[in-house]
Amino acid sequence: MPGNDARLIANLKAQNLLYTVAERGAESTELKIIGSMKEALHPEFDSHAGILAAMARPENRHRLLNRDRKRLLHRPRQRRA
């Protein structure tokens, strides 16, 4: 879905950051509405400065970034050897 990131963020914002996950089993498919996302930012809408400001807020200790479809979780107090 490269190039559609802005549209994805716009769609998420339009539906109050809710999305659905389908768990397919042998017998049935269970749909779950996920509401754990609090904020979705994109430089096209929120500017790079706005994104950096959001990341710097103390309440945002854990940040999930998606860059080139690789997920990175930032944990400032943990260091890798």
PDB file of N, CA and C in Angstrom:
ATOM      1  N   MET A   1       0.810  -1.185   0.000  1.00  0.00           N
ATOM      2  CA  MET A   1       0.000   0.000   0.000  1.00  0.00           C
ATOM      3  C   MET A   1       0.862   1.261   0.000  1.00  0.00           C
ATOM      4  N   PRO A   2       2.056   1.220  -0.529  1.00  0.00           N
ATOM      5  CA  PRO A   2       2.876   2.434  -0.568  1.00  0.00           C
ATOM      6  C   PRO A   2       2.169   3.553  -1.308  1.00  0.00           C
ATOM      7  N   GLY A   3       2.340   4.759  -0.800  1.00  0.00           N
ATOM      8  CA  GLY A   3       1.716   5.910  -1.432  1.00  0.00           C
ATOM      9  C   GLY A   3       0.309   6.192  -0.960  1.00  0.00           C
ATOM     10  N   ASN A   4      -0.287   5.261  -0.231  1.00  0.00           N
ATOM     11  CA  ASN A   4      -1.654   5.442   0.254  1.00  0.00           C
ATOM     12  C   ASN A   4      -1.703   5.785   1.732  1.00  0.00           C
ATOM     13  N   ASP A   5      -0.547   6.052   2.331  1.00  0.00           N
ATOM     14  CA  ASP A   5      -0.492   6.314   3.767  1.00  0.00           C
ATOM     15  C   ASP A   5      -1.382   7.481   4.174  1.00  0.00           C
ATOM     16  N   ALA A   6      -1.362   8.554   3.410  1.00  0.00           N
ATOM     17  CA  ALA A   6      -2.177   9.724   3.746  1.00  0.00           C
ATOM     18  C   ALA A   6      -3.655   9.371   3.703  1.00  0.00           C
ATOM     19  N   ARG A   7      -4.047   8.587   2.707  1.00  0.00           N
ATOM     20  CA  ARG A   7      -5.456   8.186   2.611  1.00  0.00           C
ATOM     21  C   ARG A   7      -5.842   7.287   3.784  1.00  0.00           C
ATOM     22  N   LEU A   8      -4.946   6.379   4.175  1.00  0.00           N
ATOM     23  CA  LEU A   8      -5.210   5.504   5.321  1.00  0.00           C
ATOM     24  C   LEU A   8      -5.420   6.322   6.591  1.00  0.00           C
ATOM     25  N   ILE A   9      -4.552   7.292   6.843  1.00  0.00           N
ATOM     26  CA  ILE A   9      -4.680   8.140   8.032  1.00  0.00           C
ATOM     27  C   ILE A   9      -5.974   8.940   7.972  1.00  0.00           C
ATOM     28  N   ALA A  10      -6.305   9.489   6.813  1.00  0.00           N
ATOM     29  CA  ALA A  10      -7.555  10.250   6.661  1.00  0.00           C
ATOM     30  C   ALA A  10      -8.759   9.361   6.940  1.00  0.00           C
ATOM     31  N   ASN A  11      -8.743   8.130   6.441  1.00  0.00           N
ATOM     32  CA  ASN A  11      -9.848   7.204   6.691  1.00  0.00           C
ATOM     33  C   ASN A  11      -9.950   6.838   8.166  1.00  0.00           C
ATOM     34  N   LEU A  12      -8.815   6.593   8.815  1.00  0.00           N
ATOM     35  CA  LEU A  12      -8.830   6.281  10.247  1.00  0.00           C
ATOM     36  C   LEU A  12      -9.404   7.437  11.057  1.00  0.00           C
ATOM     37  N   LYS A  13      -8.986   8.654  10.727  1.00  0.00           N
ATOM     38  CA  LYS A  13      -9.501   9.820  11.451  1.00  0.00           C
ATOM     39  C   LYS A  13     -11.000   9.981  11.237  1.00  0.00           C
ATOM     40  N   ALA A  14     -11.480   9.677  10.033  1.00  0.00           N
ATOM     41  CA  ALA A  14     -12.911   9.800   9.722  1.00  0.00           C
ATOM     42  C   ALA A  14     -13.753   8.804  10.512  1.00  0.00           C
ATOM     43  N   GLN A  15     -13.155   7.696  10.939  1.00  0.00           N
ATOM     44  CA  GLN A  15     -13.902   6.698  11.710  1.00  0.00           C
ATOM     45  C   GLN A  15     -13.429   6.643  13.160  1.00  0.00           C
ATOM     46  N   ASN A  16     -13.010   7.789  13.675  1.00  0.00           N
ATOM     47  CA  ASN A  16     -12.614   7.923  15.083  1.00  0.00           C
ATOM     48  C   ASN A  16     -11.513   6.946  15.486  1.00  0.00           C
ATOM     49  N   LEU A  17     -10.612   6.654  14.566  1.00  0.00           N
ATOM     50  CA  LEU A  17      -9.456   5.776  14.787  1.00  0.00           C
ATOM     51  C   LEU A  17      -9.843   4.340  15.127  1.00  0.00           C
ATOM     52  N   LEU A  18     -11.048   3.949  14.773  1.00  0.00           N
ATOM     53  CA  LEU A  18     -11.491   2.572  14.969  1.00  0.00           C
ATOM     54  C   LEU A  18     -11.226   1.780  13.695  1.00  0.00           C
ATOM     55  N   TYR A  19     -10.883   0.505  13.862  1.00  0.00           N
ATOM     56  CA  TYR A  19     -10.738  -0.367  12.704  1.00  0.00           C
ATOM     57  C   TYR A  19     -11.165  -1.773  13.101  1.00  0.00           C
ATOM     58  N   THR A  20     -11.369  -2.635  12.122  1.00  0.00           N
ATOM     59  CA  THR A  20     -11.863  -3.980  12.362  1.00  0.00           C
ATOM     60  C   THR A  20     -10.795  -5.002  12.003  1.00  0.00           C
ATOM     61  N   VAL A  21     -10.680  -6.013  12.851  1.00  0.00           N
ATOM     62  CA  VAL A  21      -9.798  -7.148  12.587  1.00  0.00           C
ATOM     63  C   VAL A  21     -10.686  -8.372  12.416  1.00  0.00           C
ATOM     64  N   ALA A  22     -10.442  -9.138  11.373  1.00  0.00           N
ATOM     65  CA  ALA A  22     -11.183 -10.375  11.135  1.00  0.00           C
ATOM     66  C   ALA A  22     -10.288 -11.552  11.500  1.00  0.00           C
ATOM     67  N   GLU A  23     -10.755 -12.363  12.454  1.00  0.00           N
ATOM     68  CA  GLU A  23     -10.032 -13.583  12.836  1.00  0.00           C
ATOM     69  C   GLU A  23     -10.738 -14.758  12.176  1.00  0.00           C
ATOM     70  N   ARG A  24     -10.061 -15.347  11.205  1.00  0.00           N
ATOM     71  CA  ARG A  24     -10.668 -16.444  10.469  1.00  0.00           C
ATOM     72  C   ARG A  24     -10.272 -17.773  11.086  1.00  0.00           C
ATOM     73  N   GLY A  25     -11.271 -18.565  11.392  1.00  0.00           N
ATOM     74  CA  GLY A  25     -11.047 -19.896  11.921  1.00  0.00           C
ATOM     75  C   GLY A  25     -11.604 -20.933  10.965  1.00  0.00           C
ATOM     76  N   ALA A  26     -11.440 -22.198  11.309  1.00  0.00           N
ATOM     77  CA  ALA A  26     -11.936 -23.280  10.458  1.00  0.00           C
ATOM     78  C   ALA A  26     -13.455 -23.261  10.370  1.00  0.00           C
ATOM     79  N   GLU A  27     -14.095 -22.868  11.451  1.00  0.00           N
ATOM     80  CA  GLU A  27     -15.556 -22.905  11.512  1.00  0.00           C
ATOM     81  C   GLU A  27     -16.218 -21.561  11.221  1.00  0.00           C
ATOM     82  N   SER A  28     -15.556 -20.483  11.600  1.00  0.00           N
ATOM     83  CA  SER A  28     -16.212 -19.177  11.470  1.00  0.00           C
ATOM     84  C   SER A  28     -15.172 -18.061  11.423  1.00  0.00           C
ATOM     85  N   THR A  29     -15.664 -16.881  11.147  1.00  0.00           N
ATOM     86  CA  THR A  29     -14.840 -15.678  11.172  1.00  0.00           C
ATOM     87  C   THR A  29     -15.390 -14.755  12.245  1.00  0.00           C
ATOM     88  N   GLU A  30     -14.518 -14.297  13.123  1.00  0.00           N
ATOM     89  CA  GLU A  30     -14.925 -13.389  14.191  1.00  0.00           C
ATOM     90  C   GLU A  30     -14.395 -11.994  13.880  1.00  0.00           C
ATOM     91  N   LEU A  31     -15.286 -11.017  13.926  1.00  0.00           N
ATOM     92  CA  LEU A  31     -14.900  -9.629  13.679  1.00  0.00           C
ATOM     93  C   LEU A  31     -14.756  -8.902  15.004  1.00  0.00           C
ATOM     94  N   LYS A  32     -13.661  -8.170  15.143  1.00  0.00           N
ATOM     95  CA  LYS A  32     -13.428  -7.397  16.364  1.00  0.00           C
ATOM     96  C   LYS A  32     -13.161  -5.949  15.984  1.00  0.00           C
ATOM     97  N   ILE A  33     -13.847  -5.038  16.641  1.00  0.00           N
ATOM     98  CA  ILE A  33     -13.594  -3.618  16.440  1.00  0.00           C
ATOM     99  C   ILE A  33     -12.508  -3.203  17.417  1.00  0.00           C
ATOM    100  N   ILE A  34     -11.445  -2.623  16.896  1.00  0.00           N
ATOM    101  CA  ILE A  34     -10.290  -2.236  17.696  1.00  0.00           C
ATOM    102  C   ILE A  34     -10.327  -0.731  17.921  1.00  0.00           C
ATOM    103  N   GLY A  35     -10.229  -0.337  19.179  1.00  0.00           N
ATOM    104  CA  GLY A  35     -10.278   1.078  19.526  1.00  0.00           C
ATOM    105  C   GLY A  35      -9.114   1.516  20.391  1.00  0.00           C
ATOM    106  N   SER A  36      -7.959   0.903  20.218  1.00  0.00           N
ATOM    107  CA  SER A  36      -6.813   1.223  21.072  1.00  0.00           C
ATOM    108  C   SER A  36      -5.971   2.383  20.555  1.00  0.00           C
ATOM    109  N   MET A  37      -6.184   2.786  19.323  1.00  0.00           N
ATOM    110  CA  MET A  37      -5.396   3.873  18.751  1.00  0.00           C
ATOM    111  C   MET A  37      -5.917   5.213  19.264  1.00  0.00           C
ATOM    112  N   LYS A  38      -5.017   6.054  19.722  1.00  0.00           N
ATOM    113  CA  LYS A  38      -5.414   7.360  20.252  1.00  0.00           C
ATOM    114  C   LYS A  38      -5.139   8.492  19.279  1.00  0.00           C
ATOM    115  N   GLU A  39      -4.174   8.290  18.396  1.00  0.00           N
ATOM    116  CA  GLU A  39      -3.791   9.360  17.493  1.00  0.00           C
ATOM    117  C   GLU A  39      -3.099   8.754  16.277  1.00  0.00           C
ATOM    118  N   ALA A  40      -3.380   9.306  15.117  1.00  0.00           N
ATOM    119  CA  ALA A  40      -2.709   8.894  13.883  1.00  0.00           C
ATOM    120  C   ALA A  40      -2.258  10.161  13.180  1.00  0.00           C
ATOM    121  N   LEU A  41      -0.966  10.255  12.939  1.00  0.00           N
ATOM    122  CA  LEU A  41      -0.405  11.479  12.367  1.00  0.00           C
ATOM    123  C   LEU A  41       0.240  11.194  11.021  1.00  0.00           C
ATOM    124  N   HIS A  42       0.216  12.191  10.171  1.00  0.00           N
ATOM    125  CA  HIS A  42       0.858  12.103   8.860  1.00  0.00           C
ATOM    126  C   HIS A  42       1.391  13.482   8.519  1.00  0.00           C
ATOM    127  N   PRO A  43       2.603  13.568   8.003  1.00  0.00           N
ATOM    128  CA  PRO A  43       3.190  14.892   7.734  1.00  0.00           C
ATOM    129  C   PRO A  43       2.371  15.741   6.768  1.00  0.00           C
ATOM    130  N   GLU A  44       1.611  15.108   5.900  1.00  0.00           N
ATOM    131  CA  GLU A  44       0.775  15.867   4.964  1.00  0.00           C
ATOM    132  C   GLU A  44      -0.307  16.666   5.690  1.00  0.00           C
ATOM    133  N   PHE A  45      -0.816  16.131   6.795  1.00  0.00           N
ATOM    134  CA  PHE A  45      -1.881  16.795   7.551  1.00  0.00           C
ATOM    135  C   PHE A  45      -1.354  17.512   8.785  1.00  0.00           C
ATOM    136  N   ASP A  46      -0.344  16.931   9.419  1.00  0.00           N
ATOM    137  CA  ASP A  46       0.077  17.369  10.749  1.00  0.00           C
ATOM    138  C   ASP A  46       1.445  18.040  10.783  1.00  0.00           C
ATOM    139  N   SER A  47       2.149  18.098   9.708  1.00  0.00           N
ATOM    140  CA  SER A  47       3.492  18.668   9.558  1.00  0.00           C
ATOM    141  C   SER A  47       4.518  17.842  10.341  1.00  0.00           C
ATOM    142  N   HIS A  48       5.746  17.919   9.886  1.00  0.00           N
ATOM    143  CA  HIS A  48       6.823  17.204  10.584  1.00  0.00           C
ATOM    144  C   HIS A  48       6.996  17.751  11.999  1.00  0.00           C
ATOM    145  N   ALA A  49       6.892  19.054  12.140  1.00  0.00           N
ATOM    146  CA  ALA A  49       7.031  19.665  13.474  1.00  0.00           C
ATOM    147  C   ALA A  49       5.921  19.193  14.400  1.00  0.00           C
ATOM    148  N   GLY A  50       4.713  19.061  13.883  1.00  0.00           N
ATOM    149  CA  GLY A  50       3.598  18.575  14.691  1.00  0.00           C
ATOM    150  C   GLY A  50       3.803  17.148  15.153  1.00  0.00           C
ATOM    151  N   ILE A  51       4.364  16.332  14.287  1.00  0.00           N
ATOM    152  CA  ILE A  51       4.639  14.938  14.646  1.00  0.00           C
ATOM    153  C   ILE A  51       5.733  14.868  15.702  1.00  0.00           C
ATOM    154  N   LEU A  52       6.794  15.638  15.529  1.00  0.00           N
ATOM    155  CA  LEU A  52       7.863  15.657  16.533  1.00  0.00           C
ATOM    156  C   LEU A  52       7.360  16.172  17.871  1.00  0.00           C
ATOM    157  N   ALA A  53       6.500  17.179  17.847  1.00  0.00           N
ATOM    158  CA  ALA A  53       5.930  17.709  19.094  1.00  0.00           C
ATOM    159  C   ALA A  53       5.084  16.646  19.785  1.00  0.00           C
ATOM    160  N   ALA A  54       4.308  15.894  19.021  1.00  0.00           N
ATOM    161  CA  ALA A  54       3.485  14.830  19.605  1.00  0.00           C
ATOM    162  C   ALA A  54       4.365  13.737  20.208  1.00  0.00           C
ATOM    163  N   MET A  55       5.460  13.405  19.541  1.00  0.00           N
ATOM    164  CA  MET A  55       6.359  12.372  20.060  1.00  0.00           C
ATOM    165  C   MET A  55       7.079  12.821  21.322  1.00  0.00           C
ATOM    166  N   ALA A  56       7.260  14.101  21.484  1.00  0.00           N
ATOM    167  CA  ALA A  56       7.984  14.624  22.648  1.00  0.00           C
ATOM    168  C   ALA A  56       7.110  14.754  23.887  1.00  0.00           C
ATOM    169  N   ARG A  57       5.802  14.592  23.743  1.00  0.00           N
ATOM    170  CA  ARG A  57       4.924  14.703  24.916  1.00  0.00           C
ATOM    171  C   ARG A  57       5.237  13.587  25.912  1.00  0.00           C
ATOM    172  N   PRO A  58       5.311  13.906  27.213  1.00  0.00           N
ATOM    173  CA  PRO A  58       5.661  12.898  28.226  1.00  0.00           C
ATOM    174  C   PRO A  58       4.701  11.711  28.246  1.00  0.00           C
ATOM    175  N   GLU A  59       3.437  11.931  27.969  1.00  0.00           N
ATOM    176  CA  GLU A  59       2.473  10.826  28.018  1.00  0.00           C
ATOM    177  C   GLU A  59       2.667   9.849  26.857  1.00  0.00           C
ATOM    178  N   ASN A  60       3.461  10.232  25.884  1.00  0.00           N
ATOM    179  CA  ASN A  60       3.713   9.366  24.735  1.00  0.00           C
ATOM    180  C   ASN A  60       5.048   8.647  24.883  1.00  0.00           C
ATOM    181  N   ARG A  61       5.204   7.931  25.965  1.00  0.00           N
ATOM    182  CA  ARG A  61       6.449   7.194  26.200  1.00  0.00           C
ATOM    183  C   ARG A  61       6.677   6.128  25.140  1.00  0.00           C
ATOM    184  N   HIS A  62       5.612   5.464  24.737  1.00  0.00           N
ATOM    185  CA  HIS A  62       5.714   4.392  23.748  1.00  0.00           C
ATOM    186  C   HIS A  62       5.149   4.901  22.432  1.00  0.00           C
ATOM    187  N   ARG A  63       5.940   4.764  21.402  1.00  0.00           N
ATOM    188  CA  ARG A  63       5.530   5.253  20.092  1.00  0.00           C
ATOM    189  C   ARG A  63       5.675   4.131  19.087  1.00  0.00           C
ATOM    190  N   LEU A  64       4.670   3.949  18.280  1.00  0.00           N
ATOM    191  CA  LEU A  64       4.741   2.964  17.212  1.00  0.00           C
ATOM    192  C   LEU A  64       4.819   3.717  15.899  1.00  0.00           C
ATOM    193  N   LEU A  65       5.923   3.542  15.212  1.00  0.00           N
ATOM    194  CA  LEU A  65       6.145   4.222  13.944  1.00  0.00           C
ATOM    195  C   LEU A  65       6.108   3.196  12.827  1.00  0.00           C
ATOM    196  N   ASN A  66       5.604   3.597  11.696  1.00  0.00           N
ATOM    197  CA  ASN A  66       5.612   2.718  10.542  1.00  0.00           C
ATOM    198  C   ASN A  66       6.381   3.415   9.430  1.00  0.00           C
ATOM    199  N   ARG A  67       7.535   2.896   9.141  1.00  0.00           N
ATOM    200  CA  ARG A  67       8.356   3.451   8.064  1.00  0.00           C
ATOM    201  C   ARG A  67       8.727   2.309   7.132  1.00  0.00           C
ATOM    202  N   ASP A  68       8.339   2.426   5.908  1.00  0.00           N
ATOM    203  CA  ASP A  68       8.599   1.376   4.920  1.00  0.00           C
ATOM    204  C   ASP A  68       8.089   0.025   5.404  1.00  0.00           C
ATOM    205  N   ARG A  69       6.956   0.044   6.057  1.00  0.00           N
ATOM    206  CA  ARG A  69       6.276  -1.162   6.544  1.00  0.00           C
ATOM    207  C   ARG A  69       7.063  -1.939   7.595  1.00  0.00           C
ATOM    208  N   LYS A  70       8.056  -1.322   8.179  1.00  0.00           N
ATOM    209  CA  LYS A  70       8.790  -1.943   9.283  1.00  0.00           C
ATOM    210  C   LYS A  70       8.338  -1.248  10.553  1.00  0.00           C
ATOM    211  N   ARG A  71       7.941  -2.003  11.539  1.00  0.00           N
ATOM    212  CA  ARG A  71       7.430  -1.416  12.772  1.00  0.00           C
ATOM    213  C   ARG A  71       8.577  -1.218  13.758  1.00  0.00           C
ATOM    214  N   LEU A  72       8.603  -0.035  14.341  1.00  0.00           N
ATOM    215  CA  LEU A  72       9.623   0.306  15.326  1.00  0.00           C
ATOM    216  C   LEU A  72       8.925   0.782  16.590  1.00  0.00           C
ATOM    217  N   LEU A  73       9.271   0.226  17.707  1.00  0.00           N
ATOM    218  CA  LEU A  73       8.721   0.670  18.980  1.00  0.00           C
ATOM    219  C   LEU A  73       9.833   1.357  19.742  1.00  0.00           C
ATOM    220  N   HIS A  74       9.628   2.606  20.060  1.00  0.00           N
ATOM    221  CA  HIS A  74      10.651   3.398  20.744  1.00  0.00           C
ATOM    222  C   HIS A  74      10.451   3.282  22.244  1.00  0.00           C
ATOM    223  N   ARG A  75      11.443   2.773  22.927  1.00  0.00           N
ATOM    224  CA  ARG A  75      11.422   2.681  24.387  1.00  0.00           C
ATOM    225  C   ARG A  75      12.657   3.400  24.891  1.00  0.00           C
ATOM    226  N   PRO A  76      12.526   4.662  25.289  1.00  0.00           N
ATOM    227  CA  PRO A  76      13.693   5.475  25.617  1.00  0.00           C
ATOM    228  C   PRO A  76      14.563   4.940  26.739  1.00  0.00           C
ATOM    229  N   ARG A  77      14.034   4.176  27.645  1.00  0.00           N
ATOM    230  CA  ARG A  77      14.824   3.736  28.802  1.00  0.00           C
ATOM    231  C   ARG A  77      15.504   2.395  28.581  1.00  0.00           C
ATOM    232  N   GLN A  78      15.271   1.768  27.463  1.00  0.00           N
ATOM    233  CA  GLN A  78      15.909   0.491  27.187  1.00  0.00           C
ATOM    234  C   GLN A  78      16.956   0.693  26.107  1.00  0.00           C
ATOM    235  N   ARG A  79      18.099   0.089  26.318  1.00  0.00           N
ATOM    236  CA  ARG A  79      19.167   0.180  25.324  1.00  0.00           C
ATOM    237  C   ARG A  79      19.549  -1.214  24.874  1.00  0.00           C
ATOM    238  N   ARG A  80      19.813  -1.317  23.625  1.00  0.00           N
ATOM    239  CA  ARG A  80      20.260  -2.600  23.084  1.00  0.00           C
ATOM    240  C   ARG A  80      21.777  -2.660  23.087  1.00  0.00           C
ATOM    241  N   ALA A  81      22.291  -3.839  23.329  1.00  0.00           N
ATOM    242  CA  ALA A  81      23.750  -4.018  23.350  1.00  0.00           C
ATOM    243  C   ALA A  81      24.294  -4.145  21.950  1.00  0.00           C
TER     244      ALA A  81
END
